Amino acid sequence: MAMTETPRVALISGASRGIGAAIAQRLFEDGWAVSLGMRHPELPDWADPARVHLFAYDAADPAAPAAWVAEVAARFGRLDAVVANAGISIPKSVVEISDSEMDQLLDINVKAPRRLAAAAWDMLGVSGRGRVIVLASLSGKRVKSARSGSYSMSKFAAVALAHGLRHAGFDKGIRATAICPGFVATDMALALTDRPAEAMTSPHDLARIAALLIDLPNEASVAEFCINCQLEESY
């Protein structure tokens, strides 16, 4: 990037740890300005305040996306990519989960990223090559166990959201991709399995993938990207 060139700007939810933090750092190292959505905003040790913006983001708050995008517009004057990474897991079968728990899964894993993309939509269309990354899951491609069934329902919908965004924005140059990993070495995954962290996909490898997908030209649109740390029949 030339010294006088305005850096591209990415908005990343769930950026305080795990996959979101790794993607934020990778894009920053690639020359991007990044706006980090965190429940409790704190500047990372790698960050240069000139290119890093913090926002107190609560995915359950329907008003948060518009307020966040407005701050990004005022600070940087542009928005080139949205990485919808914030999500939750409730490890219950579709039989035992309550309506309120299912509503929570759908609100955080599906409705929140939709609200975020919608709030950013006009700004994403300005450059003619806006990008939306939805952090879905291999649980959005198959149901691996009864205990993952409810989470899978939400992640199947998250994959459909990415496809819907891809269709809605294609003529505007907006490209959307659902990234679908298996176990990733994060606090969420480590709480769900006995598999050691070193046998899981690294968040930093997912960050490399996200950076690649965001940087591809409009003519190399990737609808879904699946990645796994273990052998399965299809994934």
C-alpha atoms as a PDB file:
ATOM      1  CA  MET A   1       0.000   0.000   0.000  1.00  0.00           C
ATOM      2  CA  ALA A   2       1.362   3.412  -0.925  1.00  0.00           C
ATOM      3  CA  MET A   3       1.896   5.816   1.947  1.00  0.00           C
ATOM      4  CA  THR A   4      -0.693   8.246   0.555  1.00  0.00           C
ATOM      5  CA  GLU A   5      -3.307   5.581  -0.197  1.00  0.00           C
ATOM      6  CA  THR A   6      -6.320   5.400   2.100  1.00  0.00           C
ATOM      7  CA  PRO A   7      -6.361   1.933   3.671  1.00  0.00           C
ATOM      8  CA  ARG A   8      -9.295  -0.351   3.137  1.00  0.00           C
ATOM      9  CA  VAL A   9     -11.523  -0.688   6.186  1.00  0.00           C
ATOM     10  CA  ALA A  10     -12.931  -3.877   7.714  1.00  0.00           C
ATOM     11  CA  LEU A  11     -15.517  -4.196  10.461  1.00  0.00           C
ATOM     12  CA  ILE A  12     -15.119  -7.373  12.538  1.00  0.00           C
ATOM     13  CA  SER A  13     -17.551  -8.609  15.186  1.00  0.00           C
ATOM     14  CA  GLY A  14     -16.474 -10.859  18.036  1.00  0.00           C
ATOM     15  CA  ALA A  15     -12.965  -9.440  17.692  1.00  0.00           C
ATOM     16  CA  SER A  16     -11.790  -9.730  21.281  1.00  0.00           C
ATOM     17  CA  ARG A  17     -10.475 -13.296  21.020  1.00  0.00           C
ATOM     18  CA  GLY A  18     -10.274 -16.435  18.925  1.00  0.00           C
ATOM     19  CA  ILE A  19     -11.100 -16.309  15.221  1.00  0.00           C
ATOM     20  CA  GLY A  20     -12.215 -12.675  15.232  1.00  0.00           C
ATOM     21  CA  ALA A  21      -9.038 -11.468  16.936  1.00  0.00           C
ATOM     22  CA  ALA A  22      -6.876 -13.469  14.516  1.00  0.00           C
ATOM     23  CA  ILE A  23      -8.670 -12.076  11.449  1.00  0.00           C
ATOM     24  CA  ALA A  24      -8.418  -8.531  12.800  1.00  0.00           C
ATOM     25  CA  GLN A  25      -4.674  -8.862  13.357  1.00  0.00           C
ATOM     26  CA  ARG A  26      -4.111 -10.435   9.944  1.00  0.00           C
ATOM     27  CA  LEU A  27      -5.995  -7.704   8.089  1.00  0.00           C
ATOM     28  CA  PHE A  28      -4.215  -5.027  10.114  1.00  0.00           C
ATOM     29  CA  GLU A  29      -0.845  -6.563   9.207  1.00  0.00           C
ATOM     30  CA  ASP A  30      -1.956  -6.559   5.568  1.00  0.00           C
ATOM     31  CA  GLY A  31      -2.419  -2.793   5.731  1.00  0.00           C
ATOM     32  CA  TRP A  32      -6.133  -2.528   6.508  1.00  0.00           C
ATOM     33  CA  ALA A  33      -7.775  -0.235   9.017  1.00  0.00           C
ATOM     34  CA  VAL A  34      -9.980  -2.334  11.286  1.00  0.00           C
ATOM     35  CA  SER A  35     -12.974  -1.599  13.468  1.00  0.00           C
ATOM     36  CA  LEU A  36     -13.226  -4.140  16.253  1.00  0.00           C
ATOM     37  CA  GLY A  37     -16.591  -5.033  17.743  1.00  0.00           C
ATOM     38  CA  MET A  38     -16.083  -6.226  21.321  1.00  0.00           C
ATOM     39  CA  ARG A  39     -18.319  -6.615  24.343  1.00  0.00           C
ATOM     40  CA  HIS A  40     -15.610  -4.940  26.427  1.00  0.00           C
ATOM     41  CA  PRO A  41     -13.440  -2.874  24.058  1.00  0.00           C
ATOM     42  CA  GLU A  42      -9.710  -3.070  24.674  1.00  0.00           C
ATOM     43  CA  LEU A  43      -6.940  -2.113  22.269  1.00  0.00           C
ATOM     44  CA  PRO A  44      -4.884  -5.208  21.299  1.00  0.00           C
ATOM     45  CA  ASP A  45      -1.142  -5.078  21.884  1.00  0.00           C
ATOM     46  CA  TRP A  46      -0.491  -5.231  18.106  1.00  0.00           C
ATOM     47  CA  ALA A  47      -2.742  -2.291  17.292  1.00  0.00           C
ATOM     48  CA  ASP A  48      -1.838   1.172  16.021  1.00  0.00           C
ATOM     49  CA  PRO A  49      -4.645   3.499  17.177  1.00  0.00           C
ATOM     50  CA  ALA A  50      -4.377   5.356  13.866  1.00  0.00           C
ATOM     51  CA  ARG A  51      -5.750   2.312  12.052  1.00  0.00           C
ATOM     52  CA  VAL A  52      -7.787   0.623  14.770  1.00  0.00           C
ATOM     53  CA  HIS A  53     -11.246   1.645  15.962  1.00  0.00           C
ATOM     54  CA  LEU A  54     -13.053   0.041  18.891  1.00  0.00           C
ATOM     55  CA  PHE A  55     -16.805  -0.343  19.307  1.00  0.00           C
ATOM     56  CA  ALA A  56     -18.740  -1.779  22.246  1.00  0.00           C
ATOM     57  CA  TYR A  57     -20.769  -4.303  20.260  1.00  0.00           C
ATOM     58  CA  ASP A  58     -23.596  -6.407  21.651  1.00  0.00           C
ATOM     59  CA  ALA A  59     -24.855  -8.756  18.939  1.00  0.00           C
ATOM     60  CA  ALA A  60     -28.222  -8.992  20.687  1.00  0.00           C
ATOM     61  CA  ASP A  61     -28.821  -5.233  20.373  1.00  0.00           C
ATOM     62  CA  PRO A  62     -30.759  -4.471  17.169  1.00  0.00           C
ATOM     63  CA  ALA A  63     -29.626  -0.837  17.268  1.00  0.00           C
ATOM     64  CA  ALA A  64     -25.902  -1.641  17.514  1.00  0.00           C
ATOM     65  CA  PRO A  65     -25.125  -2.186  13.791  1.00  0.00           C
ATOM     66  CA  ALA A  66     -26.379   1.215  12.632  1.00  0.00           C
ATOM     67  CA  ALA A  67     -24.525   2.975  15.446  1.00  0.00           C
ATOM     68  CA  TRP A  68     -21.345   1.033  14.696  1.00  0.00           C
ATOM     69  CA  VAL A  69     -21.414   1.738  10.955  1.00  0.00           C
ATOM     70  CA  ALA A  70     -22.057   5.419  11.651  1.00  0.00           C
ATOM     71  CA  GLU A  71     -18.930   5.572  13.829  1.00  0.00           C
ATOM     72  CA  VAL A  72     -16.868   3.819  11.151  1.00  0.00           C
ATOM     73  CA  ALA A  73     -18.139   6.245   8.510  1.00  0.00           C
ATOM     74  CA  ALA A  74     -17.233   9.224  10.686  1.00  0.00           C
ATOM     75  CA  ARG A  75     -13.795   7.843  11.553  1.00  0.00           C
ATOM     76  CA  PHE A  76     -12.622   6.387   8.232  1.00  0.00           C
ATOM     77  CA  GLY A  77     -15.082   7.594   5.584  1.00  0.00           C
ATOM     78  CA  ARG A  78     -15.331   4.175   3.957  1.00  0.00           C
ATOM     79  CA  LEU A  79     -16.127   0.523   4.649  1.00  0.00           C
ATOM     80  CA  ASP A  80     -14.879  -2.288   2.430  1.00  0.00           C
ATOM     81  CA  ALA A  81     -15.510  -5.519   4.337  1.00  0.00           C
ATOM     82  CA  VAL A  82     -17.680  -6.931   7.099  1.00  0.00           C
ATOM     83  CA  VAL A  83     -16.580 -10.039   8.978  1.00  0.00           C
ATOM     84  CA  ALA A  84     -19.563 -11.364  10.938  1.00  0.00           C
ATOM     85  CA  ASN A  85     -17.788 -13.562  13.434  1.00  0.00           C
ATOM     86  CA  ALA A  86     -19.668 -13.170  16.730  1.00  0.00           C
ATOM     87  CA  GLY A  87     -21.602 -16.309  17.620  1.00  0.00           C
ATOM     88  CA  ILE A  88     -22.712 -18.603  20.413  1.00  0.00           C
ATOM     89  CA  SER A  89     -23.177 -22.316  20.930  1.00  0.00           C
ATOM     90  CA  ILE A  90     -25.846 -24.083  22.985  1.00  0.00           C
ATOM     91  CA  PRO A  91     -24.990 -27.810  22.864  1.00  0.00           C
ATOM     92  CA  LYS A  92     -28.486 -29.286  23.051  1.00  0.00           C
ATOM     93  CA  SER A  93     -30.496 -31.524  20.780  1.00  0.00           C
ATOM     94  CA  VAL A  94     -33.445 -30.157  18.815  1.00  0.00           C
ATOM     95  CA  VAL A  95     -35.726 -32.011  21.233  1.00  0.00           C
ATOM     96  CA  GLU A  96     -34.351 -30.755  24.535  1.00  0.00           C
ATOM     97  CA  ILE A  97     -33.620 -27.130  23.638  1.00  0.00           C
ATOM     98  CA  SER A  98     -36.171 -24.574  24.832  1.00  0.00           C
ATOM     99  CA  ASP A  99     -37.858 -22.002  22.604  1.00  0.00           C
ATOM    100  CA  SER A 100     -36.016 -19.173  24.347  1.00  0.00           C
ATOM    101  CA  GLU A 101     -32.645 -20.872  23.839  1.00  0.00           C
ATOM    102  CA  MET A 102     -33.411 -21.522  20.167  1.00  0.00           C
ATOM    103  CA  ASP A 103     -34.450 -17.903  19.762  1.00  0.00           C
ATOM    104  CA  GLN A 104     -31.116 -16.845  21.290  1.00  0.00           C
ATOM    105  CA  LEU A 105     -29.136 -19.049  18.890  1.00  0.00           C
ATOM    106  CA  LEU A 106     -30.980 -17.691  15.872  1.00  0.00           C
ATOM    107  CA  ASP A 107     -30.747 -14.106  17.067  1.00  0.00           C
ATOM    108  CA  ILE A 108     -26.979 -14.130  17.633  1.00  0.00           C
ATOM    109  CA  ASN A 109     -25.892 -16.531  14.866  1.00  0.00           C
ATOM    110  CA  VAL A 110     -28.265 -15.445  12.077  1.00  0.00           C
ATOM    111  CA  LYS A 111     -30.203 -12.254  12.714  1.00  0.00           C
ATOM    112  CA  ALA A 112     -27.238 -10.313  14.144  1.00  0.00           C
ATOM    113  CA  PRO A 113     -24.960 -10.879  11.121  1.00  0.00           C
ATOM    114  CA  ARG A 114     -27.881 -10.048   8.818  1.00  0.00           C
ATOM    115  CA  ARG A 115     -28.435  -6.776  10.670  1.00  0.00           C
ATOM    116  CA  LEU A 116     -24.722  -5.990  10.470  1.00  0.00           C
ATOM    117  CA  ALA A 117     -24.535  -6.600   6.720  1.00  0.00           C
ATOM    118  CA  ALA A 118     -27.711  -4.614   6.121  1.00  0.00           C
ATOM    119  CA  ALA A 119     -26.415  -1.634   8.104  1.00  0.00           C
ATOM    120  CA  ALA A 120     -23.150  -1.669   6.130  1.00  0.00           C
ATOM    121  CA  TRP A 121     -24.763  -2.393   2.766  1.00  0.00           C
ATOM    122  CA  ASP A 122     -24.708   1.048   1.176  1.00  0.00           C
ATOM    123  CA  MET A 123     -21.088   1.689   2.186  1.00  0.00           C
ATOM    124  CA  LEU A 124     -20.026  -1.756   0.961  1.00  0.00           C
ATOM    125  CA  GLY A 125     -21.458  -0.975  -2.451  1.00  0.00           C
ATOM    126  CA  VAL A 126     -19.547   2.276  -2.940  1.00  0.00           C
ATOM    127  CA  SER A 127     -16.213   0.768  -4.023  1.00  0.00           C
ATOM    128  CA  GLY A 128     -17.770  -1.843  -6.291  1.00  0.00           C
ATOM    129  CA  ARG A 129     -15.921  -4.618  -4.442  1.00  0.00           C
ATOM    130  CA  GLY A 130     -17.394  -4.831  -0.958  1.00  0.00           C
ATOM    131  CA  ARG A 131     -16.948  -8.080   0.941  1.00  0.00           C
ATOM    132  CA  VAL A 132     -18.979  -9.936   3.574  1.00  0.00           C
ATOM    133  CA  ILE A 133     -17.565 -12.912   5.429  1.00  0.00           C
ATOM    134  CA  VAL A 134     -20.018 -14.938   7.525  1.00  0.00           C
ATOM    135  CA  LEU A 135     -18.273 -17.242   9.995  1.00  0.00           C
ATOM    136  CA  ALA A 136     -20.548 -20.243   9.752  1.00  0.00           C
ATOM    137  CA  SER A 137     -19.425 -23.789  10.563  1.00  0.00           C
ATOM    138  CA  LEU A 138     -19.269 -27.310   9.217  1.00  0.00           C
ATOM    139  CA  SER A 139     -22.297 -27.643  11.487  1.00  0.00           C
ATOM    140  CA  GLY A 140     -23.982 -25.536   8.822  1.00  0.00           C
ATOM    141  CA  LYS A 141     -23.284 -28.280   6.267  1.00  0.00           C
ATOM    142  CA  ARG A 142     -24.061 -31.434   8.234  1.00  0.00           C
ATOM    143  CA  VAL A 143     -25.435 -32.476  11.628  1.00  0.00           C
ATOM    144  CA  LYS A 144     -22.627 -34.393  13.312  1.00  0.00           C
ATOM    145  CA  SER A 145     -24.412 -35.410  16.523  1.00  0.00           C
ATOM    146  CA  ALA A 146     -27.711 -35.006  18.352  1.00  0.00           C
ATOM    147  CA  ARG A 147     -26.065 -32.570  20.749  1.00  0.00           C
ATOM    148  CA  SER A 148     -25.037 -30.307  17.872  1.00  0.00           C
ATOM    149  CA  GLY A 149     -28.475 -30.302  16.235  1.00  0.00           C
ATOM    150  CA  SER A 150     -29.749 -26.963  17.512  1.00  0.00           C
ATOM    151  CA  TYR A 151     -26.463 -25.202  16.788  1.00  0.00           C
ATOM    152  CA  SER A 152     -26.563 -26.730  13.308  1.00  0.00           C
ATOM    153  CA  MET A 153     -30.017 -25.264  12.698  1.00  0.00           C
ATOM    154  CA  SER A 154     -28.607 -21.791  13.319  1.00  0.00           C
ATOM    155  CA  LYS A 155     -25.482 -22.379  11.236  1.00  0.00           C
ATOM    156  CA  PHE A 156     -27.412 -23.854   8.294  1.00  0.00           C
ATOM    157  CA  ALA A 157     -29.320 -20.563   8.350  1.00  0.00           C
ATOM    158  CA  ALA A 158     -26.045 -18.604   8.553  1.00  0.00           C
ATOM    159  CA  VAL A 159     -24.814 -20.349   5.395  1.00  0.00           C
ATOM    160  CA  ALA A 160     -28.103 -19.464   3.679  1.00  0.00           C
ATOM    161  CA  LEU A 161     -27.625 -15.871   4.842  1.00  0.00           C
ATOM    162  CA  ALA A 162     -24.245 -15.714   3.088  1.00  0.00           C
ATOM    163  CA  HIS A 163     -25.816 -17.027  -0.114  1.00  0.00           C
ATOM    164  CA  GLY A 164     -28.680 -14.544   0.170  1.00  0.00           C
ATOM    165  CA  LEU A 165     -26.223 -11.678   0.602  1.00  0.00           C
ATOM    166  CA  ARG A 166     -24.202 -12.911  -2.370  1.00  0.00           C
ATOM    167  CA  HIS A 167     -27.302 -12.823  -4.574  1.00  0.00           C
ATOM    168  CA  ALA A 168     -28.489  -9.461  -3.247  1.00  0.00           C
ATOM    169  CA  GLY A 169     -25.141  -7.760  -3.751  1.00  0.00           C
ATOM    170  CA  PHE A 170     -23.659  -9.390  -6.821  1.00  0.00           C
ATOM    171  CA  ASP A 171     -24.593  -6.631  -9.262  1.00  0.00           C
ATOM    172  CA  LYS A 172     -23.161  -4.060  -6.830  1.00  0.00           C
ATOM    173  CA  GLY A 173     -19.803  -5.852  -6.700  1.00  0.00           C
ATOM    174  CA  ILE A 174     -20.473  -7.162  -3.193  1.00  0.00           C
ATOM    175  CA  ARG A 175     -19.251 -10.713  -2.670  1.00  0.00           C
ATOM    176  CA  ALA A 176     -20.275 -12.827   0.322  1.00  0.00           C
ATOM    177  CA  THR A 177     -18.689 -16.031   1.563  1.00  0.00           C
ATOM    178  CA  ALA A 178     -19.633 -18.502   4.285  1.00  0.00           C
ATOM    179  CA  ILE A 179     -16.511 -19.879   5.948  1.00  0.00           C
ATOM    180  CA  CYS A 180     -17.342 -23.286   7.402  1.00  0.00           C
ATOM    181  CA  PRO A 181     -14.680 -24.667   9.764  1.00  0.00           C
ATOM    182  CA  GLY A 182     -14.762 -27.758  11.924  1.00  0.00           C
ATOM    183  CA  PHE A 183     -13.090 -27.606  15.318  1.00  0.00           C
ATOM    184  CA  VAL A 184     -10.973 -24.466  15.717  1.00  0.00           C
ATOM    185  CA  ALA A 185      -8.654 -23.985  18.683  1.00  0.00           C
ATOM    186  CA  THR A 186     -10.811 -21.428  20.504  1.00  0.00           C
ATOM    187  CA  ASP A 187     -12.366 -21.320  23.958  1.00  0.00           C
ATOM    188  CA  MET A 188     -15.736 -22.302  22.478  1.00  0.00           C
ATOM    189  CA  ALA A 189     -14.443 -25.443  20.771  1.00  0.00           C
ATOM    190  CA  LEU A 190     -12.182 -26.483  23.646  1.00  0.00           C
ATOM    191  CA  ALA A 191     -15.232 -26.511  25.924  1.00  0.00           C
ATOM    192  CA  LEU A 192     -17.058 -28.928  23.611  1.00  0.00           C
ATOM    193  CA  THR A 193     -14.491 -31.658  22.942  1.00  0.00           C
ATOM    194  CA  ASP A 194     -11.556 -33.520  24.433  1.00  0.00           C
ATOM    195  CA  ARG A 195      -9.561 -32.974  21.236  1.00  0.00           C
ATOM    196  CA  PRO A 196      -6.362 -31.076  22.114  1.00  0.00           C
ATOM    197  CA  ALA A 197      -5.859 -27.589  20.716  1.00  0.00           C
ATOM    198  CA  GLU A 198      -2.861 -28.649  18.641  1.00  0.00           C
ATOM    199  CA  ALA A 199      -5.117 -31.124  16.779  1.00  0.00           C
ATOM    200  CA  MET A 200      -7.591 -28.399  15.809  1.00  0.00           C
ATOM    201  CA  THR A 201      -7.458 -25.807  13.047  1.00  0.00           C
ATOM    202  CA  SER A 202      -5.572 -22.719  14.165  1.00  0.00           C
ATOM    203  CA  PRO A 203      -7.457 -19.393  14.252  1.00  0.00           C
ATOM    204  CA  HIS A 204      -4.459 -17.895  12.447  1.00  0.00           C
ATOM    205  CA  ASP A 205      -4.942 -20.288   9.525  1.00  0.00           C
ATOM    206  CA  LEU A 206      -8.594 -19.277   9.336  1.00  0.00           C
ATOM    207  CA  ALA A 207      -7.421 -15.656   9.320  1.00  0.00           C
ATOM    208  CA  ARG A 208      -5.174 -16.405   6.343  1.00  0.00           C
ATOM    209  CA  ILE A 209      -8.163 -17.888   4.537  1.00  0.00           C
ATOM    210  CA  ALA A 210     -10.429 -14.944   5.354  1.00  0.00           C
ATOM    211  CA  ALA A 211      -7.806 -12.475   4.129  1.00  0.00           C
ATOM    212  CA  LEU A 212      -7.446 -14.407   0.870  1.00  0.00           C
ATOM    213  CA  LEU A 213     -11.206 -14.551   0.278  1.00  0.00           C
ATOM    214  CA  ILE A 214     -11.604 -10.842   0.964  1.00  0.00           C
ATOM    215  CA  ASP A 215      -8.754  -9.981  -1.393  1.00  0.00           C
ATOM    216  CA  LEU A 216      -9.939 -12.070  -4.367  1.00  0.00           C
ATOM    217  CA  PRO A 217     -11.292 -10.097  -7.335  1.00  0.00           C
ATOM    218  CA  ASN A 218     -14.997  -9.965  -8.136  1.00  0.00           C
ATOM    219  CA  GLU A 219     -14.435 -12.531 -10.884  1.00  0.00           C
ATOM    220  CA  ALA A 220     -13.262 -15.135  -8.324  1.00  0.00           C
ATOM    221  CA  SER A 221     -16.337 -15.298  -6.105  1.00  0.00           C
ATOM    222  CA  VAL A 222     -16.255 -18.073  -3.474  1.00  0.00           C
ATOM    223  CA  ALA A 223     -19.686 -18.897  -2.044  1.00  0.00           C
ATOM    224  CA  GLU A 224     -18.505 -21.324   0.653  1.00  0.00           C
ATOM    225  CA  PHE A 225     -15.154 -22.362   2.036  1.00  0.00           C
ATOM    226  CA  CYS A 226     -15.041 -25.527   4.135  1.00  0.00           C
ATOM    227  CA  ILE A 227     -12.038 -26.507   6.262  1.00  0.00           C
ATOM    228  CA  ASN A 228     -11.593 -29.358   8.724  1.00  0.00           C
ATOM    229  CA  CYS A 229      -8.985 -30.661  11.159  1.00  0.00           C
ATOM    230  CA  GLN A 230     -10.239 -34.255  10.971  1.00  0.00           C
ATOM    231  CA  LEU A 231     -11.258 -36.766   8.341  1.00  0.00           C
ATOM    232  CA  GLU A 232     -14.970 -37.038   7.596  1.00  0.00           C
ATOM    233  CA  GLU A 233     -16.731 -38.658   4.644  1.00  0.00           C
ATOM    234  CA  SER A 234     -17.557 -35.328   3.029  1.00  0.00           C
ATOM    235  CA  TYR A 235     -15.631 -32.730   4.966  1.00  0.00           C
END
